């Protein structure tokens, strides 16, 4: 990665994206533009554990089959990309995380070989914070 786009080393300030459930760090947005140039439109599925740990997995759109037990948390709009990037997780995992705002970020190091960023020497991670009571009301979860 270039020095102008070094990966985040601490929790980023994320531009206000309204009361959404998921957002992107600027570094993740930049990486997604590059990855889209290579792989075409992309999607995320938040891994629930096992061999991947709990990591946001990025796939070419449609390569991971979304099922009836998956929750669509939102679509991530990235400047420079024509199509938003969908973000999903299993309903059982969402039950634990529904009170949490997620920010997709990127750090140095190799993650899972299943996610498209793995060959780049970086991996996507989730930074999280609890929603405020006001945000929960806006989401309709209170």
Protein backbone atom coordinates (compact mmCIF):
# COMPACT_ATOMS: atom_id res chain seq x y z
CA UNK A 1 0.00 0.00 0.00
CA UNK A 2 1.18 3.50 -0.65
CA UNK A 3 2.18 5.70 2.25
CA UNK A 4 -0.69 8.05 1.48
CA UNK A 5 -3.16 5.25 2.11
CA UNK A 6 -1.56 3.39 4.98
CA UNK A 7 -3.94 1.11 6.82
CA UNK A 8 -5.58 2.38 9.96
CA UNK A 9 -3.61 1.82 13.14
CA UNK A 10 -6.26 3.16 15.51
CA UNK A 11 -10.02 3.55 15.47
CA UNK A 12 -10.87 5.86 12.58
CA UNK A 13 -13.19 8.82 12.61
CA UNK A 14 -15.92 7.66 10.28
CA UNK A 15 -17.87 10.29 8.36
CA UNK A 16 -21.46 10.50 9.58
CA UNK A 17 -23.42 8.06 7.46
CA UNK A 18 -26.74 8.64 9.16
CA UNK A 19 -28.11 5.94 11.40
CA UNK A 20 -26.88 2.98 9.44
CA UNK A 21 -25.65 -0.27 10.89
CA UNK A 22 -22.40 -0.45 8.94
CA UNK A 23 -19.87 2.01 7.53
CA UNK A 24 -16.39 2.04 5.98
CA UNK A 25 -13.13 3.64 7.03
CA UNK A 26 -11.52 5.78 4.31
CA UNK A 27 -8.76 3.15 3.94
CA UNK A 28 -11.29 0.36 3.45
CA UNK A 29 -13.12 2.46 0.84
CA UNK A 30 -9.92 3.03 -1.11
CA UNK A 31 -9.03 -0.67 -1.00
CA UNK A 32 -12.52 -1.63 -2.18
CA UNK A 33 -12.11 0.56 -5.27
CA UNK A 34 -8.88 -1.28 -6.13
CA UNK A 35 -10.40 -4.68 -5.42
CA UNK A 36 -13.45 -3.89 -7.56
CA UNK A 37 -11.12 -3.06 -10.45
CA UNK A 38 -9.68 -6.57 -10.08
CA UNK A 39 -12.75 -8.65 -9.17
CA UNK A 40 -15.78 -6.66 -10.31
CA UNK A 41 -18.69 -5.80 -7.96
CA UNK A 42 -18.18 -7.01 -4.39
CA UNK A 43 -20.16 -8.02 -1.31
CA UNK A 44 -19.40 -8.62 2.39
CA UNK A 45 -20.55 -11.40 4.69
CA UNK A 46 -19.57 -11.14 8.34
CA UNK A 47 -18.05 -14.47 9.27
CA UNK A 48 -19.36 -15.95 12.49
CA UNK A 49 -16.32 -17.88 13.55
CA UNK A 50 -14.78 -21.25 12.84
CA UNK A 51 -11.60 -21.14 10.78
CA UNK A 52 -12.04 -17.47 9.80
CA UNK A 53 -12.54 -16.13 13.31
CA UNK A 54 -15.11 -13.36 13.19
CA UNK A 55 -14.10 -11.29 10.20
CA UNK A 56 -15.80 -9.41 7.38
CA UNK A 57 -15.28 -11.59 4.34
CA UNK A 58 -15.26 -9.83 0.96
CA UNK A 59 -16.31 -11.79 -2.13
CA UNK A 60 -17.15 -11.05 -5.74
CA UNK A 61 -20.86 -10.20 -5.65
CA UNK A 62 -22.87 -13.41 -5.81
CA UNK A 63 -19.99 -15.79 -5.02
CA UNK A 64 -21.24 -16.21 -1.45
CA UNK A 65 -24.81 -17.49 -1.49
CA UNK A 66 -27.05 -15.45 0.79
CA UNK A 67 -29.81 -17.51 2.40
CA UNK A 68 -33.00 -17.04 4.35
CA UNK A 69 -31.04 -17.00 7.62
CA UNK A 70 -28.88 -14.03 6.56
CA UNK A 71 -29.61 -10.40 7.46
CA UNK A 72 -28.84 -7.52 5.08
CA UNK A 73 -27.31 -4.82 7.29
CA UNK A 74 -27.00 -2.29 4.50
CA UNK A 75 -25.36 -1.23 1.28
CA UNK A 76 -22.02 0.54 1.46
CA UNK A 77 -21.68 3.37 -1.03
CA UNK A 78 -18.09 3.95 -2.11
CA UNK A 79 -16.99 7.00 -4.09
CA UNK A 80 -15.72 5.82 -7.45
CA UNK A 81 -17.83 2.65 -7.54
CA UNK A 82 -20.97 2.37 -9.62
CA UNK A 83 -22.63 -0.28 -7.45
CA UNK A 84 -22.96 -0.23 -3.64
CA UNK A 85 -21.45 -3.13 -1.70
CA UNK A 86 -23.97 -5.22 0.23
CA UNK A 87 -23.14 -6.27 3.80
CA UNK A 88 -24.73 -9.39 5.33
CA UNK A 89 -24.44 -11.60 8.42
CA UNK A 90 -26.28 -14.62 9.76
CA UNK A 91 -29.48 -13.96 11.70
CA UNK A 92 -28.10 -15.76 14.77
CA UNK A 93 -25.01 -13.54 14.82
CA UNK A 94 -27.11 -10.43 14.17
CA UNK A 95 -29.10 -11.24 17.33
CA UNK A 96 -25.87 -10.63 19.30
CA UNK A 97 -24.67 -7.62 17.27
CA UNK A 98 -27.93 -5.74 16.64
CA UNK A 99 -27.03 -3.10 19.24
CA UNK A 100 -23.67 -2.45 17.58
CA UNK A 101 -22.54 -0.11 14.81
CA UNK A 102 -19.90 -1.76 12.64
CA UNK A 103 -17.11 -0.04 10.74
CA UNK A 104 -15.21 -2.07 8.16
CA UNK A 105 -11.54 -1.15 8.36
CA UNK A 106 -8.33 -2.62 6.97
CA UNK A 107 -5.06 -3.52 8.72
CA UNK A 108 -1.75 -4.96 7.62
CA UNK A 109 -1.41 -8.70 7.83
CA UNK A 110 -2.91 -11.65 6.13
CA UNK A 111 -6.44 -12.75 6.86
CA UNK A 112 -8.39 -15.62 5.40
CA UNK A 113 -7.56 -16.94 1.97
CA UNK A 114 -11.29 -16.87 1.18
CA UNK A 115 -11.57 -13.06 1.19
CA UNK A 116 -10.44 -11.14 -1.91
CA UNK A 117 -8.05 -8.82 -0.04
CA UNK A 118 -5.85 -11.69 1.22
CA UNK A 119 -3.29 -11.50 -1.65
CA UNK A 120 -2.82 -7.77 -0.96
CA UNK A 121 -1.10 -8.39 2.41
CA UNK A 122 -3.95 -6.74 4.33
CA UNK A 123 -7.19 -7.90 5.90
CA UNK A 124 -10.54 -6.39 6.64
CA UNK A 125 -11.54 -6.10 10.30
CA UNK A 126 -14.57 -4.79 12.16
CA UNK A 127 -14.37 -1.91 14.58
CA UNK A 128 -17.50 -1.62 16.66
CA UNK A 129 -19.31 0.59 19.10
CA UNK A 130 -22.68 0.34 20.81
CA UNK A 131 -25.49 2.40 19.34
CA UNK A 132 -26.75 5.27 21.46
CA UNK A 133 -30.36 5.11 22.69
CA UNK A 134 -31.24 7.76 20.09
CA UNK A 135 -29.66 5.69 17.28
CA UNK A 136 -31.52 2.58 18.46
CA UNK A 137 -34.82 4.49 18.35
CA UNK A 138 -34.01 5.72 14.83
CA UNK A 139 -33.33 2.12 13.77
CA UNK A 140 -36.63 1.05 15.31
CA UNK A 141 -34.98 -1.35 17.74
CA UNK A 142 -36.19 0.20 21.01
